[in-house]
PDB file of N, CA and C in Angstrom:
ATOM      1  N   MET A   1       5.448  -5.204  29.058  1.00  0.00           N
ATOM      2  CA  MET A   1       6.290  -5.671  27.972  1.00  0.00           C
ATOM      3  C   MET A   1       6.799  -4.363  27.201  1.00  0.00           C
ATOM      4  N   ALA A   2       8.011  -4.019  27.441  1.00  0.00           N
ATOM      5  CA  ALA A   2       8.566  -2.825  26.711  1.00  0.00           C
ATOM      6  C   ALA A   2       9.111  -3.161  25.329  1.00  0.00           C
ATOM      7  N   SER A   3       8.915  -2.368  24.412  1.00  0.00           N
ATOM      8  CA  SER A   3       9.525  -2.670  23.087  1.00  0.00           C
ATOM      9  C   SER A   3      10.304  -1.493  22.594  1.00  0.00           C
ATOM     10  N   GLU A   4      11.432  -1.735  22.390  1.00  0.00           N
ATOM     11  CA  GLU A   4      12.425  -0.615  21.948  1.00  0.00           C
ATOM     12  C   GLU A   4      12.135  -0.414  20.408  1.00  0.00           C
ATOM     13  N   PHE A   5      11.690   0.861  20.075  1.00  0.00           N
ATOM     14  CA  PHE A   5      11.373   1.223  18.793  1.00  0.00           C
ATOM     15  C   PHE A   5      12.865   1.564  18.102  1.00  0.00           C
ATOM     16  N   TYR A   6      13.626   2.200  18.787  1.00  0.00           N
ATOM     17  CA  TYR A   6      14.959   2.586  18.336  1.00  0.00           C
ATOM     18  C   TYR A   6      15.874   2.632  19.539  1.00  0.00           C
ATOM     19  N   ARG A   7      17.009   2.006  19.408  1.00  0.00           N
ATOM     20  CA  ARG A   7      17.969   2.154  20.495  1.00  0.00           C
ATOM     21  C   ARG A   7      19.390   1.996  19.968  1.00  0.00           C
ATOM     22  N   SER A   8      20.298   2.827  20.462  1.00  0.00           N
ATOM     23  CA  SER A   8      21.689   2.782  19.992  1.00  0.00           C
ATOM     24  C   SER A   8      22.465   3.232  21.186  1.00  0.00           C
ATOM     25  N   ASP A   9      23.628   2.657  21.371  1.00  0.00           N
ATOM     26  CA  ASP A   9      24.604   3.093  22.418  1.00  0.00           C
ATOM     27  C   ASP A   9      25.709   3.979  21.906  1.00  0.00           C
ATOM     28  N   ALA A  10      25.582   4.233  20.492  1.00  0.00           N
ATOM     29  CA  ALA A  10      26.653   4.982  19.787  1.00  0.00           C
ATOM     30  C   ALA A  10      26.553   6.386  20.318  1.00  0.00           C
ATOM     31  N   PRO A  11      27.621   7.043  20.459  1.00  0.00           N
ATOM     32  CA  PRO A  11      27.651   8.459  20.816  1.00  0.00           C
ATOM     33  C   PRO A  11      26.869   9.296  19.725  1.00  0.00           C
ATOM     34  N   GLY A  12      26.020  10.182  20.154  1.00  0.00           N
ATOM     35  CA  GLY A  12      25.225  11.014  19.384  1.00  0.00           C
ATOM     36  C   GLY A  12      23.932  10.462  18.899  1.00  0.00           C
ATOM     37  N   ASP A  13      23.641   9.156  19.190  1.00  0.00           N
ATOM     38  CA  ASP A  13      22.404   8.598  18.896  1.00  0.00           C
ATOM     39  C   ASP A  13      21.485   8.738  20.097  1.00  0.00           C
ATOM     40  N   ILE A  14      20.106   8.554  19.864  1.00  0.00           N
ATOM     41  CA  ILE A  14      19.070   8.614  20.802  1.00  0.00           C
ATOM     42  C   ILE A  14      18.291   7.295  20.844  1.00  0.00           C
ATOM     43  N   SER A  15      17.586   7.128  21.928  1.00  0.00           N
ATOM     44  CA  SER A  15      16.821   5.863  21.939  1.00  0.00           C
ATOM     45  C   SER A  15      15.328   6.295  22.131  1.00  0.00           C
ATOM     46  N   LEU A  16      14.393   5.571  21.511  1.00  0.00           N
ATOM     47  CA  LEU A  16      13.050   5.798  21.629  1.00  0.00           C
ATOM     48  C   LEU A  16      12.329   4.519  21.985  1.00  0.00           C
ATOM     49  N   LYS A  17      11.653   4.480  23.138  1.00  0.00           N
ATOM     50  CA  LYS A  17      11.104   3.274  23.676  1.00  0.00           C
ATOM     51  C   LYS A  17       9.642   3.411  23.849  1.00  0.00           C
ATOM     52  N   LEU A  18       8.770   2.593  23.375  1.00  0.00           N
ATOM     53  CA  LEU A  18       7.279   2.553  23.588  1.00  0.00           C
ATOM     54  C   LEU A  18       7.020   1.401  24.434  1.00  0.00           C
ATOM     55  N   THR A  19       6.206   1.502  25.480  1.00  0.00           N
ATOM     56  CA  THR A  19       5.918   0.558  26.463  1.00  0.00           C
ATOM     57  C   THR A  19       4.412   0.308  26.451  1.00  0.00           C
ATOM     58  N   PRO A  20       3.838  -0.540  25.626  1.00  0.00           N
ATOM     59  CA  PRO A  20       2.498  -0.910  25.771  1.00  0.00           C
ATOM     60  C   PRO A  20       2.164  -1.960  26.754  1.00  0.00           C
ATOM     61  N   ASP A  21       0.945  -1.991  27.267  1.00  0.00           N
ATOM     62  CA  ASP A  21       0.615  -3.094  28.303  1.00  0.00           C
ATOM     63  C   ASP A  21      -0.755  -3.491  27.888  1.00  0.00           C
ATOM     64  N   GLY A  22      -1.035  -4.722  28.233  1.00  0.00           N
ATOM     65  CA  GLY A  22      -2.363  -5.309  27.965  1.00  0.00           C
ATOM     66  C   GLY A  22      -3.615  -4.654  28.489  1.00  0.00           C
ATOM     67  N   LYS A  23      -3.363  -3.722  29.470  1.00  0.00           N
ATOM     68  CA  LYS A  23      -4.469  -3.019  30.050  1.00  0.00           C
ATOM     69  C   LYS A  23      -4.579  -1.569  29.480  1.00  0.00           C
ATOM     70  N   GLY A  24      -4.135  -1.400  28.283  1.00  0.00           N
ATOM     71  CA  GLY A  24      -4.267  -0.094  27.576  1.00  0.00           C
ATOM     72  C   GLY A  24      -3.188   0.855  28.017  1.00  0.00           C
ATOM     73  N   ARG A  25      -2.227   0.457  28.821  1.00  0.00           N
ATOM     74  CA  ARG A  25      -1.145   1.345  29.169  1.00  0.00           C
ATOM     75  C   ARG A  25      -0.188   1.640  28.059  1.00  0.00           C
ATOM     76  N   LEU A  26       0.237   2.850  27.901  1.00  0.00           N
ATOM     77  CA  LEU A  26       1.254   3.246  26.806  1.00  0.00           C
ATOM     78  C   LEU A  26       2.171   4.212  27.447  1.00  0.00           C
ATOM     79  N   GLU A  27       3.477   4.007  27.474  1.00  0.00           N
ATOM     80  CA  GLU A  27       4.403   4.939  27.752  1.00  0.00           C
ATOM     81  C   GLU A  27       5.472   5.197  26.732  1.00  0.00           C
ATOM     82  N   VAL A  28       5.979   6.392  26.489  1.00  0.00           N
ATOM     83  CA  VAL A  28       6.929   6.701  25.501  1.00  0.00           C
ATOM     84  C   VAL A  28       8.072   7.355  26.216  1.00  0.00           C
ATOM     85  N   PHE A  29       9.232   6.850  26.016  1.00  0.00           N
ATOM     86  CA  PHE A  29      10.406   7.353  26.673  1.00  0.00           C
ATOM     87  C   PHE A  29      11.412   7.715  25.516  1.00  0.00           C
ATOM     88  N   LEU A  30      11.999   8.878  25.677  1.00  0.00           N
ATOM     89  CA  LEU A  30      13.104   9.422  24.845  1.00  0.00           C
ATOM     90  C   LEU A  30      14.334   9.598  25.559  1.00  0.00           C
ATOM     91  N   ASP A  31      15.358   8.812  25.285  1.00  0.00           N
ATOM     92  CA  ASP A  31      16.639   8.812  26.008  1.00  0.00           C
ATOM     93  C   ASP A  31      16.412   8.671  27.484  1.00  0.00           C
ATOM     94  N   GLY A  32      15.467   7.777  27.838  1.00  0.00           N
ATOM     95  CA  GLY A  32      15.343   7.459  29.222  1.00  0.00           C
ATOM     96  C   GLY A  32      14.391   8.425  29.909  1.00  0.00           C
ATOM     97  N   THR A  33      13.864   9.460  29.413  1.00  0.00           N
ATOM     98  CA  THR A  33      12.977  10.480  29.877  1.00  0.00           C
ATOM     99  C   THR A  33      11.551  10.088  29.311  1.00  0.00           C
ATOM    100  N   LYS A  34      10.628   9.935  30.332  1.00  0.00           N
ATOM    101  CA  LYS A  34       9.217   9.728  29.852  1.00  0.00           C
ATOM    102  C   LYS A  34       8.603  10.988  29.267  1.00  0.00           C
ATOM    103  N   ILE A  35       8.125  10.867  28.014  1.00  0.00           N
ATOM    104  CA  ILE A  35       7.551  12.108  27.291  1.00  0.00           C
ATOM    105  C   ILE A  35       6.054  11.839  27.166  1.00  0.00           C
ATOM    106  N   PHE A  36       5.594  10.653  27.364  1.00  0.00           N
ATOM    107  CA  PHE A  36       4.123  10.456  27.312  1.00  0.00           C
ATOM    108  C   PHE A  36       3.739   9.210  28.198  1.00  0.00           C
ATOM    109  N   ASP A  37       2.602   9.364  28.909  1.00  0.00           N
ATOM    110  CA  ASP A  37       2.118   8.291  29.691  1.00  0.00           C
ATOM    111  C   ASP A  37       0.534   8.328  29.624  1.00  0.00           C
ATOM    112  N   ARG A  38       0.068   7.273  28.984  1.00  0.00           N
ATOM    113  CA  ARG A  38      -1.473   7.274  28.762  1.00  0.00           C
ATOM    114  C   ARG A  38      -2.149   7.285  29.985  1.00  0.00           C
ATOM    115  N   LYS A  39      -1.600   6.577  31.089  1.00  0.00           N
ATOM    116  CA  LYS A  39      -2.372   6.538  32.321  1.00  0.00           C
ATOM    117  C   LYS A  39      -2.346   7.978  33.034  1.00  0.00           C
ATOM    118  N   GLU A  40      -1.245   8.581  32.994  1.00  0.00           N
ATOM    119  CA  GLU A  40      -1.207  10.053  33.481  1.00  0.00           C
ATOM    120  C   GLU A  40      -2.074  10.940  32.725  1.00  0.00           C
ATOM    121  N   GLU A  41      -2.041  10.885  31.379  1.00  0.00           N
ATOM    122  CA  GLU A  41      -2.867  11.790  30.513  1.00  0.00           C
ATOM    123  C   GLU A  41      -4.335  11.446  30.565  1.00  0.00           C
ATOM    124  N   GLY A  42      -4.665  10.142  30.845  1.00  0.00           N
ATOM    125  CA  GLY A  42      -6.090   9.713  30.861  1.00  0.00           C
ATOM    126  C   GLY A  42      -6.684   9.309  29.633  1.00  0.00           C
ATOM    127  N   SER A  43      -5.872   9.394  28.495  1.00  0.00           N
ATOM    128  CA  SER A  43      -6.386   8.988  27.250  1.00  0.00           C
ATOM    129  C   SER A  43      -5.199   8.752  26.266  1.00  0.00           C
ATOM    130  N   PHE A  44      -5.493   8.074  25.198  1.00  0.00           N
ATOM    131  CA  PHE A  44      -4.477   7.959  24.129  1.00  0.00           C
ATOM    132  C   PHE A  44      -4.189   9.346  23.546  1.00  0.00           C
ATOM    133  N   PRO A  45      -3.080   9.576  23.062  1.00  0.00           N
ATOM    134  CA  PRO A  45      -2.778  10.833  22.433  1.00  0.00           C
ATOM    135  C   PRO A  45      -3.628  11.206  21.226  1.00  0.00           C
ATOM    136  N   ASP A  46      -4.111  12.397  21.222  1.00  0.00           N
ATOM    137  CA  ASP A  46      -4.836  12.865  20.002  1.00  0.00           C
ATOM    138  C   ASP A  46      -3.839  13.435  18.963  1.00  0.00           C
ATOM    139  N   LEU A  47      -4.269  13.942  17.896  1.00  0.00           N
ATOM    140  CA  LEU A  47      -3.404  14.357  16.777  1.00  0.00           C
ATOM    141  C   LEU A  47      -2.439  15.519  17.248  1.00  0.00           C
ATOM    142  N   GLY A  48      -3.101  16.417  18.050  1.00  0.00           N
ATOM    143  CA  GLY A  48      -2.180  17.473  18.677  1.00  0.00           C
ATOM    144  C   GLY A  48      -1.200  17.043  19.427  1.00  0.00           C
ATOM    145  N   LYS A  49      -1.383  15.956  20.387  1.00  0.00           N
ATOM    146  CA  LYS A  49      -0.292  15.435  21.290  1.00  0.00           C
ATOM    147  C   LYS A  49       0.676  14.714  20.410  1.00  0.00           C
ATOM    148  N   VAL A  50       0.206  13.935  19.364  1.00  0.00           N
ATOM    149  CA  VAL A  50       1.068  13.242  18.585  1.00  0.00           C
ATOM    150  C   VAL A  50       2.087  14.161  17.837  1.00  0.00           C
ATOM    151  N   ASN A  51       1.607  15.287  17.425  1.00  0.00           N
ATOM    152  CA  ASN A  51       2.449  16.266  16.771  1.00  0.00           C
ATOM    153  C   ASN A  51       3.376  16.906  17.805  1.00  0.00           C
ATOM    154  N   GLU A  52       3.010  17.053  19.007  1.00  0.00           N
ATOM    155  CA  GLU A  52       3.930  17.571  20.077  1.00  0.00           C
ATOM    156  C   GLU A  52       4.974  16.601  20.256  1.00  0.00           C
ATOM    157  N   LEU A  53       4.638  15.253  20.423  1.00  0.00           N
ATOM    158  CA  LEU A  53       5.616  14.285  20.686  1.00  0.00           C
ATOM    159  C   LEU A  53       6.738  14.195  19.521  1.00  0.00           C
ATOM    160  N   LYS A  54       6.169  14.341  18.277  1.00  0.00           N
ATOM    161  CA  LYS A  54       6.987  14.319  17.094  1.00  0.00           C
ATOM    162  C   LYS A  54       8.002  15.469  17.170  1.00  0.00           C
ATOM    163  N   MET A  55       7.436  16.624  17.576  1.00  0.00           N
ATOM    164  CA  MET A  55       8.374  17.864  17.647  1.00  0.00           C
ATOM    165  C   MET A  55       9.410  17.698  18.681  1.00  0.00           C
ATOM    166  N   THR A  56       9.060  17.168  19.835  1.00  0.00           N
ATOM    167  CA  THR A  56      10.005  16.836  20.921  1.00  0.00           C
ATOM    168  C   THR A  56      11.197  15.895  20.340  1.00  0.00           C
ATOM    169  N   ILE A  57      10.807  14.932  19.678  1.00  0.00           N
ATOM    170  CA  ILE A  57      11.791  13.979  19.123  1.00  0.00           C
ATOM    171  C   ILE A  57      12.716  14.720  18.149  1.00  0.00           C
ATOM    172  N   ALA A  58      12.032  15.506  17.169  1.00  0.00           N
ATOM    173  CA  ALA A  58      12.696  16.214  16.244  1.00  0.00           C
ATOM    174  C   ALA A  58      13.773  17.210  16.785  1.00  0.00           C
ATOM    175  N   GLU A  59      13.262  17.852  17.910  1.00  0.00           N
ATOM    176  CA  GLU A  59      14.273  18.803  18.644  1.00  0.00           C
ATOM    177  C   GLU A  59      15.375  18.153  19.195  1.00  0.00           C
ATOM    178  N   LYS A  60      15.157  16.960  19.692  1.00  0.00           N
ATOM    179  CA  LYS A  60      16.292  16.195  20.308  1.00  0.00           C
ATOM    180  C   LYS A  60      17.255  15.756  19.118  1.00  0.00           C
ATOM    181  N   LEU A  61      16.722  15.342  18.087  1.00  0.00           N
ATOM    182  CA  LEU A  61      17.575  14.965  16.875  1.00  0.00           C
ATOM    183  C   LEU A  61      18.264  16.249  16.451  1.00  0.00           C
ATOM    184  N   PHE A  62      17.738  17.417  16.455  1.00  0.00           N
ATOM    185  CA  PHE A  62      18.382  18.596  15.984  1.00  0.00           C
ATOM    186  C   PHE A  62      19.532  18.968  16.922  1.00  0.00           C
ATOM    187  N   GLU A  63      19.300  18.832  18.191  1.00  0.00           N
ATOM    188  CA  GLU A  63      20.346  19.123  19.203  1.00  0.00           C
ATOM    189  C   GLU A  63      21.510  18.283  18.963  1.00  0.00           C
ATOM    190  N   LEU A  64      21.254  16.924  18.594  1.00  0.00           N
ATOM    191  CA  LEU A  64      22.394  16.037  18.446  1.00  0.00           C
ATOM    192  C   LEU A  64      23.172  16.414  17.112  1.00  0.00           C
ATOM    193  N   GLU A  65      22.416  16.794  16.128  1.00  0.00           N
ATOM    194  CA  GLU A  65      23.164  17.236  14.837  1.00  0.00           C
ATOM    195  C   GLU A  65      23.959  18.504  15.049  1.00  0.00           C
ATOM    196  N   GLU A  66      23.566  19.446  15.878  1.00  0.00           N
ATOM    197  CA  GLU A  66      24.306  20.608  16.137  1.00  0.00           C
ATOM    198  C   GLU A  66      25.468  20.397  17.008  1.00  0.00           C
ATOM    199  N   ALA A  67      25.564  19.326  17.811  1.00  0.00           N
ATOM    200  CA  ALA A  67      26.693  19.073  18.688  1.00  0.00           C
ATOM    201  C   ALA A  67      27.833  18.501  18.001  1.00  0.00           C
TER     202      ALA A  67
END
């Protein structure tokens, strides 16, 4: 069951999609690119990983603002 956290088809917007599963699976996609997969990582993200994901999203937003 995927759940769109934010999605827009407008030019210059990004989409952020979180995909939780009943078996503890969690995937995070940014503009269709997977930036986190709990199954691949072997655990839920710790604070350092959460900050890394936030920075990845912020960088993408900055790129769009500069364009």
